[in-house]
N, C-alpha and C. Protein backbone atom coordinates (compact mmCIF):
# COMPACT_ATOMS: atom_id res chain seq x y z
N MET A 1 242.94 231.41 138.21
CA MET A 1 242.96 231.11 137.02
C MET A 1 244.12 230.46 136.48
N GLU A 2 244.16 229.60 135.30
CA GLU A 2 245.27 228.93 135.05
C GLU A 2 245.38 229.11 133.73
N LYS A 3 246.73 229.15 133.22
CA LYS A 3 247.31 229.90 132.01
C LYS A 3 248.32 228.53 131.44
N LYS A 4 248.14 228.14 130.17
CA LYS A 4 248.91 227.40 129.58
C LYS A 4 249.75 227.84 128.55
N LEU A 5 251.09 227.59 128.58
CA LEU A 5 252.16 228.13 127.72
C LEU A 5 252.85 227.14 126.83
N ASP A 6 253.08 226.97 125.67
CA ASP A 6 253.72 226.26 124.65
C ASP A 6 254.81 226.88 124.13
N LEU A 7 255.73 227.05 124.97
CA LEU A 7 257.09 227.57 124.49
C LEU A 7 258.19 226.72 123.96
N ARG A 8 257.79 225.78 123.23
CA ARG A 8 258.59 225.21 122.48
C ARG A 8 259.32 225.78 121.30
N GLY A 9 260.49 225.60 121.16
CA GLY A 9 261.23 226.29 120.02
C GLY A 9 261.68 227.58 120.18
N LEU A 10 261.32 228.32 121.44
CA LEU A 10 261.70 229.54 121.83
C LEU A 10 262.91 229.46 122.58
N SER A 11 264.05 230.45 122.31
CA SER A 11 265.36 230.46 122.60
C SER A 11 265.49 231.51 124.11
N CYS A 12 266.04 231.00 125.06
CA CYS A 12 266.34 232.12 126.15
C CYS A 12 266.65 233.39 125.63
N PRO A 13 266.09 234.35 126.19
CA PRO A 13 265.34 234.30 127.61
C PRO A 13 263.90 234.61 127.58
N MET A 14 263.44 234.33 126.13
CA MET A 14 261.93 234.36 125.83
C MET A 14 261.08 233.16 126.58
N PRO A 15 261.52 232.24 127.03
CA PRO A 15 260.57 231.34 127.58
C PRO A 15 260.22 231.90 129.27
N LEU A 16 261.71 232.44 129.61
CA LEU A 16 261.38 233.10 131.04
C LEU A 16 260.71 234.41 131.25
N LEU A 17 260.66 235.11 129.89
CA LEU A 17 259.98 236.44 129.66
C LEU A 17 258.42 235.97 129.96
N GLU A 18 258.19 235.13 128.95
CA GLU A 18 256.55 234.77 128.80
C GLU A 18 256.13 234.27 130.14
N THR A 19 256.98 233.42 130.91
CA THR A 19 256.47 232.76 132.14
C THR A 19 256.22 234.02 133.14
N LYS A 20 256.91 234.99 133.22
CA LYS A 20 256.89 236.03 134.19
C LYS A 20 255.64 236.68 133.68
N LYS A 21 255.31 237.00 132.56
CA LYS A 21 254.07 237.85 132.04
C LYS A 21 252.80 236.97 132.35
N ALA A 22 252.85 235.79 132.26
CA ALA A 22 251.59 235.03 132.56
C ALA A 22 251.48 234.98 133.88
N LEU A 23 252.47 234.85 134.93
CA LEU A 23 252.39 234.88 136.46
C LEU A 23 251.77 236.07 136.86
N GLU A 24 251.89 237.22 136.10
CA GLU A 24 251.49 238.59 136.58
C GLU A 24 249.91 238.45 136.73
N LYS A 25 249.25 237.56 135.72
CA LYS A 25 247.91 237.51 135.51
C LYS A 25 247.07 236.35 135.80
N ALA A 26 248.03 235.34 136.50
CA ALA A 26 247.40 233.61 136.82
C ALA A 26 247.82 233.53 137.97
N GLU A 27 247.41 232.64 138.54
CA GLU A 27 247.81 231.99 140.04
C GLU A 27 248.64 230.67 139.72
N MET A 28 248.25 229.98 138.29
CA MET A 28 249.24 228.88 138.07
C MET A 28 249.33 228.86 136.59
N VAL A 29 250.37 228.30 136.39
CA VAL A 29 250.75 228.32 134.78
C VAL A 29 251.43 226.89 134.49
N SER A 30 250.99 226.56 133.46
CA SER A 30 251.69 224.97 132.99
C SER A 30 252.25 225.42 131.58
N ILE A 31 253.67 225.00 131.74
CA ILE A 31 254.40 225.41 130.55
C ILE A 31 255.00 224.31 130.06
N ILE A 32 255.30 224.09 128.82
CA ILE A 32 256.14 223.28 128.05
C ILE A 32 257.33 223.98 127.38
N VAL A 33 258.43 223.43 127.63
CA VAL A 33 259.70 223.94 126.97
C VAL A 33 260.43 222.82 126.34
N ASP A 34 261.45 223.09 125.31
CA ASP A 34 262.27 222.10 124.74
C ASP A 34 263.60 221.98 124.84
N GLU A 35 264.00 223.20 125.65
CA GLU A 35 265.33 223.56 126.14
C GLU A 35 265.92 223.43 127.49
N ALA A 36 266.61 222.68 128.12
CA ALA A 36 266.87 222.45 129.58
C ALA A 36 267.35 223.66 130.09
N ALA A 37 268.00 224.77 129.38
CA ALA A 37 268.34 225.89 129.86
C ALA A 37 267.31 226.48 130.13
N ALA A 38 266.03 226.59 129.58
CA ALA A 38 264.94 227.26 129.79
C ALA A 38 264.34 226.86 131.07
N ARG A 39 264.37 225.21 130.75
CA ARG A 39 263.77 224.88 132.31
C ARG A 39 264.39 225.02 133.40
N GLU A 40 265.75 225.22 133.66
CA GLU A 40 266.55 225.46 134.60
C GLU A 40 266.35 226.99 135.26
N LYS A 41 266.10 227.91 134.13
CA LYS A 41 265.98 229.30 134.50
C LYS A 41 264.58 229.59 135.01
N ILE A 42 263.38 228.80 134.43
CA ILE A 42 262.17 229.24 134.78
C ILE A 42 261.95 228.43 136.45
N ILE A 43 262.53 227.39 136.62
CA ILE A 43 262.53 226.81 137.92
C ILE A 43 263.19 227.74 139.04
N ALA A 44 264.45 228.24 138.46
CA ALA A 44 265.23 229.04 139.44
C ALA A 44 264.43 230.25 139.61
N PHE A 45 263.84 230.90 138.75
CA PHE A 45 262.79 232.17 138.91
C PHE A 45 261.63 231.55 139.95
N ALA A 46 261.29 230.61 139.71
CA ALA A 46 259.93 230.32 140.54
C ALA A 46 260.35 230.05 141.96
N LYS A 47 261.35 229.39 142.28
CA LYS A 47 261.83 229.38 143.58
C LYS A 47 262.25 230.48 144.11
N SER A 48 262.99 231.55 143.41
CA SER A 48 263.33 232.87 144.12
C SER A 48 262.07 233.54 144.36
N LYS A 49 260.97 233.15 144.04
CA LYS A 49 259.57 234.02 144.35
C LYS A 49 258.92 233.39 145.38
N GLN A 50 259.18 231.96 145.65
CA GLN A 50 258.78 231.05 146.50
C GLN A 50 257.50 230.49 146.09
N TYR A 51 257.43 230.31 144.72
CA TYR A 51 256.44 229.68 144.08
C TYR A 51 256.24 228.07 144.00
N GLN A 52 255.67 227.39 144.06
CA GLN A 52 255.31 225.84 143.98
C GLN A 52 255.79 225.20 142.65
N VAL A 53 256.91 224.54 142.47
CA VAL A 53 257.17 223.98 141.03
C VAL A 53 257.13 222.79 140.97
N GLU A 54 256.44 221.98 139.99
CA GLU A 54 256.47 220.60 139.70
C GLU A 54 256.95 220.61 138.37
N SER A 55 257.94 219.56 137.92
CA SER A 55 258.72 219.54 136.73
C SER A 55 258.69 217.74 136.38
N SER A 56 258.49 217.83 135.18
CA SER A 56 258.22 216.31 134.49
C SER A 56 259.03 216.53 132.95
N SER A 57 259.64 215.41 132.64
CA SER A 57 260.06 215.28 131.32
C SER A 57 259.77 214.28 130.54
N SER A 58 259.56 214.36 129.47
CA SER A 58 259.41 213.04 128.52
C SER A 58 260.33 213.28 127.09
N SER A 59 260.98 212.59 126.60
CA SER A 59 261.81 212.79 125.62
C SER A 59 262.43 213.97 125.49
N SER A 60 262.26 215.15 124.64
CA SER A 60 262.96 216.11 124.68
C SER A 60 262.30 217.14 124.98
N GLU A 61 261.09 217.06 125.90
CA GLU A 61 260.17 218.09 126.32
C GLU A 61 260.17 217.96 127.72
N TYR A 62 260.02 219.27 128.42
CA TYR A 62 260.02 219.48 129.91
C TYR A 62 258.58 220.07 130.07
N THR A 63 257.81 219.52 130.97
CA THR A 63 256.54 220.36 131.47
C THR A 63 256.74 220.65 133.09
N LEU A 64 256.59 221.97 133.11
CA LEU A 64 256.55 222.74 134.24
C LEU A 64 255.04 223.28 134.98
N ILE A 65 254.90 223.12 136.10
CA ILE A 65 253.62 223.62 136.72
C ILE A 65 254.10 224.60 137.97
N ILE A 66 253.70 225.87 137.81
CA ILE A 66 254.08 226.98 138.84
C ILE A 66 252.80 227.34 139.12
N ARG A 67 252.78 227.38 140.70
CA ARG A 67 251.88 227.74 141.37
C ARG A 67 252.26 228.89 142.66
N LYS A 68 251.53 229.88 142.50
CA LYS A 68 251.62 230.92 143.37
C LYS A 68 251.46 230.70 144.84
């Protein structure tokens, strides 16, 4: 099951907490954030769990796809 999260406008640590919660119920999560710090923390978390992470950016938004 895939989950999509639009976390634009949220400050840390909320994007990371919402990502963790979504990954408890989904095998794949697609995330949009607009803070570089949130992007980096989510990537670091995913790598620490050995999940696959894809990241792309356009203007001031970052899209992350995490697969367990």
